């Protein structure tokens, strides 16, 4: 079993910054990729950013230049630094990890979500 624990959500004013972190633990042999997704009220979950084990990154067009994803492979932790926040960034943010488990199975795991609200 693999667990993802997120932290760092909260309330910010437009133009502000916020950092999220997500730590993976459990039956992990290796992590292929980690990422962040978000879901706003009444909308589908969407990709925000991903990072693979080699450090390659992918961003949604809506966050390019404002958000930065990084990863500590040794700590199985992924970070999301969010700058120049706008009300459109308001959503529940979910951490995702594609994991090769100790049992030899590859699967996707999700965190419980952390709320980000951008409002004046």
N, C-alpha and C. Protein backbone atom coordinates (compact mmCIF):
# COMPACT_ATOMS: atom_id res chain seq x y z
N UNK A 1 0.84 -1.20 0.00
CA UNK A 1 0.00 0.00 0.00
C UNK A 1 0.87 1.24 0.00
N UNK A 2 0.39 2.27 -0.70
CA UNK A 2 1.13 3.53 -0.81
C UNK A 2 0.23 4.65 -0.33
N UNK A 3 0.79 5.55 0.45
CA UNK A 3 0.03 6.71 0.93
C UNK A 3 0.70 8.00 0.45
N UNK A 4 -0.13 8.96 0.08
CA UNK A 4 0.32 10.29 -0.29
C UNK A 4 -0.30 11.28 0.68
N UNK A 5 0.54 12.10 1.29
CA UNK A 5 0.05 13.09 2.25
C UNK A 5 0.43 14.47 1.76
N UNK A 6 -0.59 15.30 1.53
CA UNK A 6 -0.38 16.65 1.02
C UNK A 6 -0.43 17.65 2.15
N UNK A 7 0.22 18.78 1.92
CA UNK A 7 0.13 19.88 2.86
C UNK A 7 0.38 21.18 2.13
N UNK A 8 -0.08 22.29 2.73
CA UNK A 8 0.25 23.61 2.22
C UNK A 8 -0.88 24.40 1.62
N UNK A 9 -2.08 23.86 1.55
CA UNK A 9 -3.18 24.64 0.99
C UNK A 9 -3.56 25.80 1.89
N UNK A 10 -4.42 26.67 1.35
CA UNK A 10 -4.87 27.80 2.15
C UNK A 10 -5.49 28.88 1.31
N UNK A 11 -5.62 30.05 1.92
CA UNK A 11 -6.24 31.21 1.29
C UNK A 11 -5.18 32.25 0.95
N UNK A 12 -5.23 32.74 -0.27
CA UNK A 12 -4.33 33.80 -0.69
C UNK A 12 -5.10 34.84 -1.48
N UNK A 13 -4.58 36.04 -1.47
CA UNK A 13 -5.13 37.11 -2.29
C UNK A 13 -4.59 36.96 -3.72
N UNK A 14 -5.31 37.48 -4.68
CA UNK A 14 -4.80 37.47 -6.06
C UNK A 14 -3.41 38.11 -6.13
N UNK A 15 -2.54 37.48 -6.91
CA UNK A 15 -1.16 37.94 -7.01
C UNK A 15 -0.23 37.33 -5.99
N UNK A 16 -0.78 36.61 -5.03
CA UNK A 16 0.03 36.00 -3.99
C UNK A 16 0.66 34.69 -4.41
N UNK A 17 1.39 34.09 -3.48
CA UNK A 17 2.09 32.84 -3.72
C UNK A 17 1.73 31.82 -2.64
N UNK A 18 1.87 30.56 -3.02
CA UNK A 18 1.57 29.47 -2.10
C UNK A 18 2.36 28.24 -2.54
N UNK A 19 2.84 27.48 -1.57
CA UNK A 19 3.56 26.26 -1.88
C UNK A 19 2.84 25.04 -1.35
N UNK A 20 2.80 24.00 -2.16
CA UNK A 20 2.22 22.72 -1.76
C UNK A 20 3.32 21.66 -1.71
N UNK A 21 3.15 20.69 -0.85
CA UNK A 21 4.07 19.55 -0.82
C UNK A 21 3.28 18.27 -0.67
N UNK A 22 3.88 17.17 -1.13
CA UNK A 22 3.23 15.87 -1.06
C UNK A 22 4.30 14.81 -0.85
N UNK A 23 4.16 14.06 0.22
CA UNK A 23 5.12 13.01 0.55
C UNK A 23 4.49 11.64 0.36
N UNK A 24 5.19 10.77 -0.35
CA UNK A 24 4.72 9.41 -0.58
C UNK A 24 5.45 8.45 0.35
N UNK A 25 4.71 7.48 0.85
CA UNK A 25 5.30 6.48 1.73
C UNK A 25 4.60 5.14 1.54
N UNK A 26 5.23 4.09 2.05
CA UNK A 26 4.62 2.77 1.95
C UNK A 26 5.48 1.82 1.14
N UNK A 27 4.81 0.91 0.43
CA UNK A 27 5.48 -0.16 -0.30
C UNK A 27 5.99 0.33 -1.66
N UNK A 28 6.96 1.23 -1.60
CA UNK A 28 7.48 1.88 -2.80
C UNK A 28 8.82 1.28 -3.19
N UNK A 29 8.91 0.76 -4.40
CA UNK A 29 10.20 0.33 -4.95
C UNK A 29 10.83 1.51 -5.69
N UNK A 30 10.03 2.15 -6.51
CA UNK A 30 10.48 3.37 -7.19
C UNK A 30 9.25 4.16 -7.63
N UNK A 31 9.46 5.45 -7.87
CA UNK A 31 8.37 6.31 -8.34
C UNK A 31 8.69 6.77 -9.76
N UNK A 32 7.80 6.46 -10.67
CA UNK A 32 8.01 6.80 -12.07
C UNK A 32 7.81 8.29 -12.29
N UNK A 33 6.73 8.80 -11.75
CA UNK A 33 6.39 10.22 -11.93
C UNK A 33 5.48 10.66 -10.79
N UNK A 34 5.53 11.95 -10.52
CA UNK A 34 4.62 12.55 -9.54
C UNK A 34 4.03 13.81 -10.16
N UNK A 35 2.88 14.19 -9.67
CA UNK A 35 2.26 15.37 -10.26
C UNK A 35 1.16 15.94 -9.41
N UNK A 36 0.63 17.04 -9.89
CA UNK A 36 -0.47 17.73 -9.24
C UNK A 36 -1.61 17.91 -10.23
N UNK A 37 -2.79 17.67 -9.75
CA UNK A 37 -4.03 17.88 -10.49
C UNK A 37 -4.92 18.76 -9.63
N UNK A 38 -5.90 19.38 -10.27
CA UNK A 38 -6.83 20.19 -9.48
C UNK A 38 -8.25 20.03 -10.01
N UNK A 39 -9.18 20.27 -9.11
CA UNK A 39 -10.58 20.18 -9.47
C UNK A 39 -11.33 21.34 -8.83
N UNK A 40 -11.86 22.20 -9.68
CA UNK A 40 -12.66 23.32 -9.21
C UNK A 40 -14.12 22.89 -9.09
N UNK A 41 -14.89 23.58 -8.28
CA UNK A 41 -16.31 23.21 -8.12
C UNK A 41 -17.04 23.15 -9.45
N UNK A 42 -17.71 22.05 -9.71
CA UNK A 42 -18.48 21.91 -10.93
C UNK A 42 -17.67 21.59 -12.17
N UNK A 43 -16.37 21.36 -12.00
CA UNK A 43 -15.52 21.09 -13.15
C UNK A 43 -14.82 19.75 -12.99
N UNK A 44 -14.28 19.24 -14.09
CA UNK A 44 -13.55 17.98 -14.05
C UNK A 44 -12.14 18.21 -13.52
N UNK A 45 -11.57 17.14 -12.98
CA UNK A 45 -10.19 17.22 -12.53
C UNK A 45 -9.28 17.43 -13.73
N UNK A 46 -8.30 18.32 -13.58
CA UNK A 46 -7.39 18.63 -14.68
C UNK A 46 -5.95 18.59 -14.22
N UNK A 47 -5.07 18.30 -15.16
CA UNK A 47 -3.65 18.27 -14.87
C UNK A 47 -3.13 19.67 -14.62
N UNK A 48 -2.27 19.81 -13.61
CA UNK A 48 -1.59 21.07 -13.36
C UNK A 48 -0.14 20.96 -13.81
N UNK A 49 0.57 19.96 -13.27
CA UNK A 49 1.98 19.78 -13.61
C UNK A 49 2.41 18.37 -13.20
N UNK A 50 3.37 17.83 -13.95
CA UNK A 50 3.95 16.53 -13.61
C UNK A 50 5.47 16.62 -13.72
N UNK A 51 6.13 15.71 -13.01
CA UNK A 51 7.59 15.62 -13.08
C UNK A 51 7.96 14.15 -13.01
N UNK A 52 8.88 13.73 -13.91
CA UNK A 52 9.27 12.32 -13.90
C UNK A 52 10.55 12.13 -13.08
N UNK A 53 10.99 10.89 -13.01
CA UNK A 53 12.13 10.58 -12.16
C UNK A 53 13.41 11.25 -12.64
N UNK A 54 13.45 11.58 -13.92
CA UNK A 54 14.63 12.26 -14.46
C UNK A 54 14.57 13.76 -14.37
N UNK A 55 13.48 14.27 -13.84
CA UNK A 55 13.32 15.71 -13.68
C UNK A 55 12.57 16.39 -14.81
N UNK A 56 12.14 15.62 -15.80
CA UNK A 56 11.37 16.21 -16.88
C UNK A 56 10.01 16.67 -16.41
N UNK A 57 9.59 17.85 -16.84
CA UNK A 57 8.35 18.44 -16.34
C UNK A 57 7.36 18.70 -17.48
N UNK A 58 6.11 18.78 -17.09
CA UNK A 58 5.03 19.10 -18.02
C UNK A 58 4.03 19.97 -17.27
N UNK A 59 3.58 21.05 -17.91
CA UNK A 59 2.67 21.99 -17.25
C UNK A 59 1.43 22.22 -18.11
N UNK A 60 0.32 22.47 -17.45
CA UNK A 60 -0.86 22.96 -18.15
C UNK A 60 -0.56 24.37 -18.65
N UNK A 61 -1.10 24.70 -19.82
CA UNK A 61 -0.85 26.02 -20.39
C UNK A 61 -1.26 27.13 -19.43
N UNK A 62 -2.30 26.90 -18.66
CA UNK A 62 -2.84 27.94 -17.78
C UNK A 62 -1.91 28.30 -16.63
N UNK A 63 -0.92 27.45 -16.34
CA UNK A 63 -0.04 27.72 -15.20
C UNK A 63 1.41 27.93 -15.62
N UNK A 64 1.72 27.76 -16.90
CA UNK A 64 3.10 27.93 -17.36
C UNK A 64 3.60 29.33 -17.04
N UNK A 65 4.80 29.40 -16.50
CA UNK A 65 5.39 30.67 -16.14
C UNK A 65 5.00 31.17 -14.77
N UNK A 66 4.00 30.53 -14.15
CA UNK A 66 3.56 30.96 -12.82
C UNK A 66 3.81 29.88 -11.76
N UNK A 67 3.66 28.63 -12.15
CA UNK A 67 3.83 27.51 -11.21
C UNK A 67 5.13 26.77 -11.53
N UNK A 68 5.73 26.19 -10.50
CA UNK A 68 6.94 25.39 -10.67
C UNK A 68 6.83 24.12 -9.86
N UNK A 69 7.04 22.98 -10.53
CA UNK A 69 7.01 21.70 -9.84
C UNK A 69 8.43 21.22 -9.65
N UNK A 70 8.70 20.63 -8.50
CA UNK A 70 10.02 20.08 -8.21
C UNK A 70 9.84 18.81 -7.38
N UNK A 71 10.95 18.09 -7.25
CA UNK A 71 10.83 16.77 -6.63
C UNK A 71 12.10 16.44 -5.89
N UNK A 72 11.95 15.82 -4.74
CA UNK A 72 13.06 15.27 -3.97
C UNK A 72 12.95 13.76 -4.04
N UNK A 73 13.72 13.15 -4.94
CA UNK A 73 13.59 11.71 -5.15
C UNK A 73 13.93 10.92 -3.88
N UNK A 74 14.90 11.38 -3.15
CA UNK A 74 15.30 10.65 -1.95
C UNK A 74 14.23 10.63 -0.88
N UNK A 75 13.42 11.68 -0.85
CA UNK A 75 12.36 11.80 0.15
C UNK A 75 10.99 11.44 -0.42
N UNK A 76 10.96 11.01 -1.68
CA UNK A 76 9.68 10.69 -2.33
C UNK A 76 8.67 11.81 -2.15
N UNK A 77 9.13 13.03 -2.36
CA UNK A 77 8.29 14.20 -2.13
C UNK A 77 8.26 15.08 -3.38
N UNK A 78 7.09 15.61 -3.67
CA UNK A 78 6.93 16.53 -4.78
C UNK A 78 6.39 17.85 -4.24
N UNK A 79 6.84 18.92 -4.87
CA UNK A 79 6.45 20.27 -4.44
C UNK A 79 5.81 21.01 -5.62
N UNK A 80 4.95 21.95 -5.28
CA UNK A 80 4.38 22.84 -6.29
C UNK A 80 4.43 24.26 -5.73
N UNK A 81 5.23 25.10 -6.35
CA UNK A 81 5.30 26.51 -5.98
C UNK A 81 4.39 27.27 -6.93
N UNK A 82 3.41 27.95 -6.36
CA UNK A 82 2.42 28.67 -7.16
C UNK A 82 2.58 30.17 -6.93
N UNK A 83 2.86 30.89 -7.99
CA UNK A 83 3.04 32.34 -7.93
C UNK A 83 1.99 33.03 -8.79
N UNK A 84 1.85 34.32 -8.57
CA UNK A 84 0.89 35.13 -9.35
C UNK A 84 -0.48 34.46 -9.39
N UNK A 85 -0.93 34.05 -8.24
CA UNK A 85 -2.20 33.35 -8.16
C UNK A 85 -3.36 34.24 -8.59
N UNK A 86 -4.35 33.60 -9.20
CA UNK A 86 -5.56 34.31 -9.61
C UNK A 86 -6.78 33.52 -9.12
N UNK A 87 -7.94 34.14 -9.08
CA UNK A 87 -9.13 33.42 -8.62
C UNK A 87 -9.39 32.14 -9.42
N UNK A 88 -8.96 32.11 -10.67
CA UNK A 88 -9.12 30.92 -11.49
C UNK A 88 -8.31 29.73 -11.01
N UNK A 89 -7.38 29.95 -10.11
CA UNK A 89 -6.59 28.86 -9.54
C UNK A 89 -7.28 28.21 -8.34
N UNK A 90 -8.39 28.76 -7.93
CA UNK A 90 -9.13 28.20 -6.80
C UNK A 90 -9.64 26.81 -7.14
N UNK A 91 -9.25 25.84 -6.31
CA UNK A 91 -9.62 24.44 -6.56
C UNK A 91 -9.11 23.58 -5.42
N UNK A 92 -9.54 22.34 -5.43
CA UNK A 92 -8.90 21.32 -4.59
C UNK A 92 -7.74 20.75 -5.41
N UNK A 93 -6.57 20.71 -4.80
CA UNK A 93 -5.38 20.22 -5.48
C UNK A 93 -5.03 18.82 -4.97
N UNK A 94 -4.80 17.92 -5.92
CA UNK A 94 -4.54 16.52 -5.60
C UNK A 94 -3.16 16.11 -6.10
N UNK A 95 -2.45 15.43 -5.24
CA UNK A 95 -1.15 14.86 -5.59
C UNK A 95 -1.36 13.48 -6.20
N UNK A 96 -0.55 13.18 -7.19
CA UNK A 96 -0.60 11.87 -7.85
C UNK A 96 0.80 11.30 -7.95
N UNK A 97 0.92 10.00 -7.81
CA UNK A 97 2.20 9.33 -7.99
C UNK A 97 1.99 8.02 -8.75
N UNK A 98 2.80 7.81 -9.76
CA UNK A 98 2.82 6.51 -10.47
C UNK A 98 3.97 5.72 -9.87
N UNK A 99 3.64 4.63 -9.21
CA UNK A 99 4.58 3.93 -8.34
C UNK A 99 4.81 2.51 -8.81
N UNK A 100 6.07 2.10 -8.80
CA UNK A 100 6.41 0.68 -8.89
C UNK A 100 6.50 0.18 -7.46
N UNK A 101 5.57 -0.68 -7.07
CA UNK A 101 5.53 -1.12 -5.68
C UNK A 101 6.53 -2.24 -5.43
N UNK A 102 6.72 -2.55 -4.17
CA UNK A 102 7.60 -3.65 -3.78
C UNK A 102 7.10 -4.99 -4.30
N UNK A 103 5.81 -5.06 -4.63
CA UNK A 103 5.22 -6.30 -5.14
C UNK A 103 5.39 -6.45 -6.65
N UNK A 104 6.05 -5.47 -7.27
CA UNK A 104 6.26 -5.57 -8.71
C UNK A 104 5.11 -5.07 -9.55
N UNK A 105 4.18 -4.35 -8.93
CA UNK A 105 3.02 -3.80 -9.63
C UNK A 105 3.20 -2.30 -9.80
N UNK A 106 2.81 -1.79 -10.97
CA UNK A 106 2.83 -0.34 -11.19
C UNK A 106 1.40 0.16 -11.10
N UNK A 107 1.19 1.20 -10.33
CA UNK A 107 -0.16 1.73 -10.16
C UNK A 107 -0.11 3.21 -9.84
N UNK A 108 -1.25 3.87 -10.01
CA UNK A 108 -1.38 5.29 -9.69
C UNK A 108 -2.03 5.44 -8.31
N UNK A 109 -1.51 6.38 -7.54
CA UNK A 109 -2.04 6.66 -6.22
C UNK A 109 -2.33 8.16 -6.10
N UNK A 110 -3.33 8.47 -5.25
CA UNK A 110 -3.78 9.85 -5.09
C UNK A 110 -3.77 10.26 -3.63
N UNK A 111 -3.48 11.54 -3.41
CA UNK A 111 -3.61 12.11 -2.09
C UNK A 111 -5.05 12.47 -1.81
N UNK A 112 -5.28 12.97 -0.60
CA UNK A 112 -6.64 13.27 -0.18
C UNK A 112 -7.12 14.63 -0.67
N UNK A 113 -6.22 15.43 -1.16
CA UNK A 113 -6.58 16.74 -1.67
C UNK A 113 -6.35 17.84 -0.65
N UNK A 114 -5.97 19.00 -1.12
CA UNK A 114 -5.80 20.17 -0.27
C UNK A 114 -6.42 21.37 -0.98
N UNK A 115 -7.13 22.18 -0.23
CA UNK A 115 -7.89 23.26 -0.83
C UNK A 115 -7.05 24.52 -0.98
N UNK A 116 -7.14 25.11 -2.15
CA UNK A 116 -6.49 26.39 -2.44
C UNK A 116 -7.58 27.37 -2.85
N UNK A 117 -7.64 28.48 -2.14
CA UNK A 117 -8.63 29.52 -2.44
C UNK A 117 -7.91 30.83 -2.69
N UNK A 118 -8.21 31.44 -3.82
CA UNK A 118 -7.61 32.73 -4.17
C UNK A 118 -8.74 33.74 -4.25
N UNK A 119 -8.72 34.67 -3.30
CA UNK A 119 -9.82 35.63 -3.20
C UNK A 119 -9.36 36.86 -2.46
N UNK A 120 -9.90 38.00 -2.85
CA UNK A 120 -9.60 39.24 -2.15
C UNK A 120 -10.63 39.47 -1.04
